[in-house]
Amino acid sequence: MKIDMHAHFIPRDCLTMLDSQGRPYGYVTRKDASGKDRLTPDENREGTSIPDYCDPERRLLELDRVGLDMQALSPSPRHIIYSLDGAEGLRLCQKYNDGIARVVRTYPSRFVGMATVPLQDMARALPELERAVCDLGLKGVEILSDVNGKNLDERELWPFYQKAQDLDILVYVHPRTPAQDNLKKYWLLNLVGHPFHTSLAIASVIFGGVLESFPRLRILFSHAGGAAPYLRGRWERAYQIDPACQTVPRPPGEYLRMLYFDSIALYDPALEYLVDTVGADRIVLGTDAPTRWQPDPITPVRNAVGISAADKERILEENSLALLKLEPQDCQARAT
């Protein structure tokens, strides 16, 4: 069973939701050159077709095209909006969780679901997480790389980590899209900003003691860990010489190997380096659907000369099944 672990989905009824000022959440709709509607975060980008984001049948065709059996549907990061007040944030999260759960119920052998919760309001986030997992059957929860500018090591997030560990679910971290003016040219907010925020989140959960306090917590970071694997040596050296970095009882590299990462390195030597750095048992497939950053996730793993055959099978199949707590018999063979 080959599972795409990095794939965003928008339930259609979430597109019609409006905020308290009557504006759509996260995206605007614009016409492309052919007159078709596309979703875009701003008018300066072409955006992505609505069916690619919202149509599960379109997803099935794409899965079959690239040889994937299942997809873990997670909310669009643009719709994880921690700046909303608690009640409004909960309303959006519930709509999302219900919508993704409906798709999973309709296509149980092809999709599993990830939840979203309003981390800006812990009193609402924890019951919604329990509802999404226990009542809706979702297999994990997606969060952003910070909560309104606060890093993931803030103690106010400890109840969330405890609940996720108690429920034994996957926590999937996607970077927040940065808003800095100096990242607006050349799409640097994505090319540099996303890897930076991913690395910052990883450093926070390591040095901030999240993994030490919640050792059974399973956390998956997107985009092959950003720059964090490459920075491991720098973190290890700082841990040796700087008391400010000696916040946990073990070197940072040991905690790095407690995390999980998707395979979207987009450069074959970088994927091999990731395997050397964190271990093949910590890497899963990802495409970043529907934007198709990784249009063929299987071939780079298959062709990697520095990864053993056994490790390739771990990345292609075994790790994602274990992370989602699925058994092969839970998944029917995909249609051919």
Protein backbone atom coordinates (compact mmCIF):
# COMPACT_ATOMS: atom_id res chain seq x y z
CA MET A 1 0.00 0.00 0.00
CA LYS A 2 1.60 3.23 -1.20
CA ILE A 3 0.10 6.23 0.59
CA ASP A 4 0.50 9.92 -0.20
CA MET A 5 0.97 11.50 3.23
CA HIS A 6 1.14 15.14 2.10
CA ALA A 7 -2.04 16.01 0.23
CA HIS A 8 -4.40 18.92 0.86
CA PHE A 9 -8.14 18.80 0.26
CA ILE A 10 -10.92 21.37 0.53
CA PRO A 11 -14.51 20.17 1.07
CA ARG A 12 -16.69 22.10 -1.35
CA ASP A 13 -18.93 23.50 1.35
CA CYS A 14 -15.89 25.06 3.01
CA LEU A 15 -15.40 27.20 -0.09
CA THR A 16 -18.78 28.81 0.49
CA MET A 17 -18.12 29.63 4.16
CA LEU A 18 -17.73 33.32 4.92
CA ASP A 19 -16.04 35.00 7.87
CA SER A 20 -17.72 37.47 10.17
CA GLN A 21 -17.10 40.25 7.62
CA GLY A 22 -18.68 38.26 4.80
CA ARG A 23 -15.37 37.35 3.13
CA PRO A 24 -14.27 33.87 2.00
CA TYR A 25 -11.65 32.14 4.12
CA GLY A 26 -8.11 31.73 2.83
CA TYR A 27 -8.62 32.00 -0.92
CA VAL A 28 -10.14 34.13 -3.64
CA THR A 29 -11.59 32.80 -6.90
CA ARG A 30 -10.36 34.15 -10.21
CA LYS A 31 -10.77 33.23 -13.88
CA ASP A 32 -7.84 31.80 -15.79
CA ALA A 33 -7.16 32.49 -19.47
CA SER A 34 -9.70 29.86 -20.51
CA GLY A 35 -12.41 31.29 -18.26
CA LYS A 36 -12.28 28.50 -15.66
CA ASP A 37 -12.43 29.29 -11.95
CA ARG A 38 -9.26 28.81 -9.94
CA LEU A 39 -8.46 29.17 -6.26
CA THR A 40 -5.61 31.50 -5.42
CA PRO A 41 -4.32 33.08 -2.20
CA ASP A 42 -4.10 36.43 -4.00
CA GLU A 43 -4.87 37.96 -7.37
CA ASN A 44 -1.20 37.91 -8.40
CA ARG A 45 -1.01 34.12 -8.73
CA GLU A 46 -2.81 31.86 -11.16
CA GLY A 47 -3.85 29.43 -8.45
CA THR A 48 -5.17 25.86 -8.63
CA SER A 49 -8.32 24.56 -10.27
CA ILE A 50 -11.25 24.05 -7.94
CA PRO A 51 -11.84 20.39 -8.97
CA ASP A 52 -8.19 19.59 -8.20
CA TYR A 53 -8.73 20.80 -4.65
CA CYS A 54 -12.29 19.65 -4.05
CA ASP A 55 -13.21 16.70 -6.27
CA PRO A 56 -12.35 13.26 -4.82
CA GLU A 57 -12.96 11.58 -8.18
CA ARG A 58 -10.29 13.80 -9.73
CA ARG A 59 -7.97 12.73 -6.91
CA LEU A 60 -8.59 9.06 -7.65
CA LEU A 61 -7.57 9.54 -11.28
CA GLU A 62 -4.36 11.24 -10.16
CA LEU A 63 -3.60 8.51 -7.61
CA ASP A 64 -4.01 5.84 -10.25
CA ARG A 65 -1.87 7.79 -12.71
CA VAL A 66 1.15 7.89 -10.39
CA GLY A 67 0.65 4.42 -8.86
CA LEU A 68 -0.49 5.41 -5.38
CA ASP A 69 -3.07 3.35 -3.50
CA MET A 70 -4.28 5.84 -0.89
CA GLN A 71 -4.08 9.47 0.08
CA ALA A 72 -4.15 11.06 3.53
CA LEU A 73 -6.35 14.12 3.08
CA SER A 74 -5.32 17.11 5.18
CA PRO A 75 -6.86 20.59 5.25
CA SER A 76 -5.44 23.33 3.09
CA PRO A 77 -2.96 25.26 5.30
CA ARG A 78 -4.59 28.47 4.09
CA HIS A 79 -7.74 27.37 5.91
CA ILE A 80 -5.96 26.78 9.23
CA ILE A 81 -6.50 30.28 10.58
CA TYR A 82 -5.38 30.69 14.18
CA SER A 83 -6.11 34.42 14.12
CA LEU A 84 -9.86 33.75 14.26
CA ASP A 85 -11.60 33.91 17.61
CA GLY A 86 -12.25 30.55 19.22
CA ALA A 87 -15.89 30.19 18.24
CA GLU A 88 -15.33 31.13 14.60
CA GLY A 89 -12.21 29.00 14.40
CA LEU A 90 -14.10 26.00 15.77
CA ARG A 91 -16.90 26.49 13.24
CA LEU A 92 -14.41 26.37 10.35
CA CYS A 93 -12.57 23.34 11.81
CA GLN A 94 -15.79 21.40 12.35
CA LYS A 95 -16.92 22.07 8.79
CA TYR A 96 -13.56 20.85 7.51
CA ASN A 97 -13.45 17.75 9.69
CA ASP A 98 -16.99 16.76 8.78
CA GLY A 99 -16.28 17.28 5.08
CA ILE A 100 -13.09 15.23 5.02
CA ALA A 101 -14.78 12.48 7.05
CA ARG A 102 -17.57 12.30 4.43
CA VAL A 103 -15.04 11.72 1.66
CA VAL A 104 -13.31 9.01 3.69
CA ARG A 105 -16.63 7.25 4.35
CA THR A 106 -17.45 7.34 0.63
CA TYR A 107 -14.03 6.01 -0.46
CA PRO A 108 -12.71 4.11 2.59
CA SER A 109 -10.15 2.09 0.63
CA ARG A 110 -8.58 5.14 -1.04
CA PHE A 111 -8.58 7.95 1.52
CA VAL A 112 -7.84 8.51 5.18
CA GLY A 113 -8.42 11.85 6.87
CA MET A 114 -6.52 14.42 8.93
CA ALA A 115 -8.33 16.79 11.25
CA THR A 116 -7.79 20.44 12.09
CA VAL A 117 -8.47 22.09 15.46
CA PRO A 118 -8.47 25.72 16.70
CA LEU A 119 -5.19 25.73 18.61
CA GLN A 120 -5.78 29.39 19.50
CA ASP A 121 -8.49 28.18 21.91
CA MET A 122 -7.42 25.06 23.79
CA ALA A 123 -10.80 24.69 25.52
CA ARG A 124 -12.37 24.21 22.09
CA ALA A 125 -9.43 22.44 20.41
CA LEU A 126 -9.25 19.41 22.70
CA PRO A 127 -12.93 18.35 22.47
CA GLU A 128 -12.87 18.85 18.70
CA LEU A 129 -9.76 16.69 18.38
CA GLU A 130 -11.44 13.93 20.35
CA ARG A 131 -14.61 14.23 18.24
CA ALA A 132 -12.64 14.12 15.00
CA VAL A 133 -10.73 11.00 16.03
CA CYS A 134 -13.28 9.06 18.10
CA ASP A 135 -16.51 9.99 16.32
CA LEU A 136 -15.39 10.79 12.76
CA GLY A 137 -12.54 8.28 12.54
CA LEU A 138 -9.85 10.68 11.33
CA LYS A 139 -6.31 9.35 11.68
CA GLY A 140 -4.33 12.46 12.52
CA VAL A 141 -4.38 16.22 12.91
CA GLU A 142 -2.66 18.91 10.88
CA ILE A 143 -1.23 21.95 12.64
CA LEU A 144 0.82 24.90 11.44
CA SER A 145 4.45 25.56 12.30
CA ASP A 146 3.48 28.25 14.82
CA VAL A 147 0.33 29.52 16.51
CA ASN A 148 -0.06 33.25 15.91
CA GLY A 149 3.70 33.73 16.01
CA LYS A 150 4.28 31.50 19.04
CA ASN A 151 6.58 28.54 18.43
CA LEU A 152 5.51 24.96 19.00
CA ASP A 153 7.37 24.67 22.31
CA GLU A 154 5.01 27.06 24.13
CA ARG A 155 3.65 25.46 27.30
CA GLU A 156 0.11 26.47 26.40
CA LEU A 157 0.28 23.74 23.72
CA TRP A 158 1.19 21.00 26.21
CA PRO A 159 -2.47 19.93 26.70
CA PHE A 160 -2.77 19.44 22.93
CA TYR A 161 0.35 17.26 22.83
CA GLN A 162 -0.91 15.24 25.78
CA LYS A 163 -4.27 14.67 24.10
CA ALA A 164 -2.65 13.68 20.79
CA GLN A 165 -0.35 11.27 22.61
CA ASP A 166 -3.24 9.81 24.60
CA LEU A 167 -5.28 9.33 21.41
CA ASP A 168 -2.18 7.86 19.74
CA ILE A 169 -2.66 9.85 16.54
CA LEU A 170 -0.31 11.43 14.05
CA VAL A 171 0.45 15.15 14.34
CA TYR A 172 1.28 16.54 10.90
CA VAL A 173 3.06 19.91 10.83
CA HIS A 174 2.82 22.13 7.76
CA PRO A 175 4.61 25.48 7.58
CA ARG A 176 2.62 28.66 7.88
CA THR A 177 2.91 30.88 4.82
CA PRO A 178 5.07 33.82 5.93
CA ALA A 179 4.02 37.40 5.30
CA GLN A 180 7.40 39.18 5.27
CA ASP A 181 7.76 41.84 2.58
CA ASN A 182 11.25 40.65 1.64
CA LEU A 183 9.86 37.23 0.63
CA LYS A 184 7.33 38.50 -1.89
CA LYS A 185 9.62 38.46 -4.96
CA TYR A 186 10.32 35.24 -6.88
CA TRP A 187 7.80 33.34 -4.68
CA LEU A 188 10.42 33.30 -1.92
CA LEU A 189 7.67 32.93 0.67
CA ASN A 190 7.41 29.37 -0.59
CA LEU A 191 10.96 28.67 -1.79
CA VAL A 192 12.63 29.99 1.37
CA GLY A 193 9.84 30.83 3.82
CA HIS A 194 8.25 27.40 4.01
CA PRO A 195 11.53 25.51 4.61
CA PHE A 196 12.55 28.14 7.17
CA HIS A 197 9.32 27.85 9.16
CA THR A 198 9.53 24.05 9.03
CA SER A 199 13.09 24.16 10.41
CA LEU A 200 12.08 26.62 13.12
CA ALA A 201 9.25 24.34 14.21
CA ILE A 202 11.55 21.32 14.33
CA ALA A 203 14.14 23.18 16.39
CA SER A 204 11.40 24.33 18.75
CA VAL A 205 10.02 20.87 19.48
CA ILE A 206 13.56 19.53 20.00
CA PHE A 207 15.15 22.26 22.13
CA GLY A 208 11.83 23.11 23.78
CA GLY A 209 11.51 19.62 25.23
CA VAL A 210 8.32 18.56 23.45
CA LEU A 211 9.76 15.19 22.45
CA GLU A 212 11.33 14.71 25.86
CA SER A 213 8.00 15.36 27.57
CA PHE A 214 5.89 13.39 25.09
CA PRO A 215 8.13 10.55 23.85
CA ARG A 216 5.24 8.59 22.28
CA LEU A 217 4.09 11.55 20.22
CA ARG A 218 4.32 10.89 16.48
CA ILE A 219 5.07 14.11 14.57
CA LEU A 220 5.41 14.31 10.77
CA PHE A 221 7.06 17.37 9.20
CA SER A 222 6.51 18.31 5.58
CA HIS A 223 8.94 19.26 2.79
CA ALA A 224 11.58 16.73 3.88
CA GLY A 225 12.19 18.69 7.09
CA GLY A 226 13.13 21.95 5.38
CA ALA A 227 16.71 22.82 6.31
CA ALA A 228 16.68 20.96 9.64
CA PRO A 229 18.52 17.81 8.47
CA TYR A 230 21.24 19.97 6.92
CA LEU A 231 21.51 21.97 10.16
CA ARG A 232 21.96 18.96 12.39
CA GLY A 233 25.71 19.48 12.78
CA ARG A 234 25.24 23.11 13.74
CA TRP A 235 22.65 22.17 16.35
CA GLU A 236 24.90 19.43 17.74
CA ARG A 237 27.85 21.80 18.03
CA ALA A 238 25.73 24.43 19.79
CA TYR A 239 24.51 21.78 22.21
CA GLN A 240 28.14 20.99 23.08
CA ILE A 241 29.36 24.55 23.68
CA ASP A 242 26.40 26.78 24.57
CA PRO A 243 24.46 26.35 27.84
CA ALA A 244 21.47 28.11 26.25
CA CYS A 245 21.11 25.11 23.93
CA GLN A 246 21.55 22.47 26.64
CA THR A 247 17.84 22.39 27.43
CA VAL A 248 17.27 18.66 26.96
CA PRO A 249 19.22 15.66 28.27
CA ARG A 250 20.21 14.26 24.87
CA PRO A 251 21.92 15.74 21.78
CA PRO A 252 19.57 17.23 19.14
CA GLY A 253 20.38 14.56 16.58
CA GLU A 254 18.80 11.88 18.76
CA TYR A 255 15.54 13.81 18.87
CA LEU A 256 15.69 14.47 15.13
CA ARG A 257 15.52 10.70 14.67
CA MET A 258 12.31 10.62 16.73
CA LEU A 259 10.49 12.70 14.10
CA TYR A 260 9.01 11.77 10.72
CA PHE A 261 9.43 13.52 7.38
CA ASP A 262 7.85 13.37 3.96
CA SER A 263 9.94 12.62 0.90
CA ILE A 264 9.46 15.95 -0.91
CA ALA A 265 13.16 16.81 -1.15
CA LEU A 266 12.92 17.34 -4.95
CA TYR A 267 16.61 16.53 -5.35
CA ASP A 268 17.75 12.91 -5.30
CA PRO A 269 20.99 13.44 -3.32
CA ALA A 270 19.01 15.41 -0.73
CA LEU A 271 16.61 12.49 -0.27
CA GLU A 272 19.55 10.12 0.21
CA TYR A 273 21.08 12.53 2.72
CA LEU A 274 17.77 12.65 4.61
CA VAL A 275 17.83 8.86 4.86
CA ASP A 276 21.41 8.96 6.16
CA THR A 277 20.51 11.65 8.69
CA VAL A 278 17.25 10.41 10.22
CA GLY A 279 16.90 6.81 9.01
CA ALA A 280 14.69 5.29 6.32
CA ASP A 281 12.10 4.28 8.92
CA ARG A 282 11.32 7.98 9.44
CA ILE A 283 10.39 8.94 5.86
CA VAL A 284 7.05 8.62 4.03
CA LEU A 285 5.83 9.50 0.55
CA GLY A 286 4.31 12.89 -0.24
CA THR A 287 3.17 14.83 -3.31
CA ASP A 288 1.89 18.17 -1.94
CA ALA A 289 -1.29 17.60 -3.94
CA PRO A 290 -3.02 19.29 -5.61
CA THR A 291 -0.14 21.65 -6.43
CA ARG A 292 1.98 18.72 -7.70
CA TRP A 293 5.28 19.84 -6.27
CA GLN A 294 6.22 16.18 -6.37
CA PRO A 295 4.26 14.84 -9.39
CA ASP A 296 5.90 11.40 -9.19
CA PRO A 297 6.84 10.49 -5.61
CA ILE A 298 7.74 6.86 -6.31
CA THR A 299 10.43 7.15 -8.97
CA PRO A 300 12.95 9.18 -6.90
CA VAL A 301 12.81 6.54 -4.18
CA ARG A 302 13.06 3.65 -6.63
CA ASN A 303 16.02 5.23 -8.44
CA ALA A 304 17.99 6.34 -5.38
CA VAL A 305 21.33 4.55 -5.60
CA GLY A 306 22.25 5.27 -1.98
CA ILE A 307 19.13 3.68 -0.45
CA SER A 308 18.92 -0.07 0.06
CA ALA A 309 16.07 -2.13 -1.35
CA ALA A 310 14.75 -2.84 2.14
CA ASP A 311 14.83 0.87 3.03
CA LYS A 312 13.02 1.75 -0.18
CA GLU A 313 10.17 -0.55 0.80
CA ARG A 314 10.00 1.12 4.20
CA ILE A 315 9.66 4.54 2.58
CA LEU A 316 7.27 3.40 -0.14
CA GLU A 317 4.90 1.35 1.99
CA GLU A 318 5.70 0.25 5.53
CA ASN A 319 6.24 3.56 7.32
CA SER A 320 2.98 5.22 6.32
CA LEU A 321 0.95 2.16 7.31
CA ALA A 322 2.57 2.23 10.73
CA LEU A 323 2.13 5.98 11.17
CA LEU A 324 -1.57 5.80 10.35
CA LYS A 325 -1.98 2.56 12.31
CA LEU A 326 -3.39 0.76 9.28
CA GLU A 327 -3.11 -2.91 8.52
CA PRO A 328 -2.81 -4.08 4.91
CA GLN A 329 -6.14 -5.88 5.24
CA ASP A 330 -7.76 -2.52 6.08
CA CYS A 331 -7.01 -1.37 2.54
CA GLN A 332 -8.46 -2.97 -0.55
CA ALA A 333 -6.37 -3.13 -3.69
CA ARG A 334 -6.81 -0.02 -5.76
CA ALA A 335 -8.91 -0.22 -8.89
CA THR A 336 -7.03 -0.88 -12.11
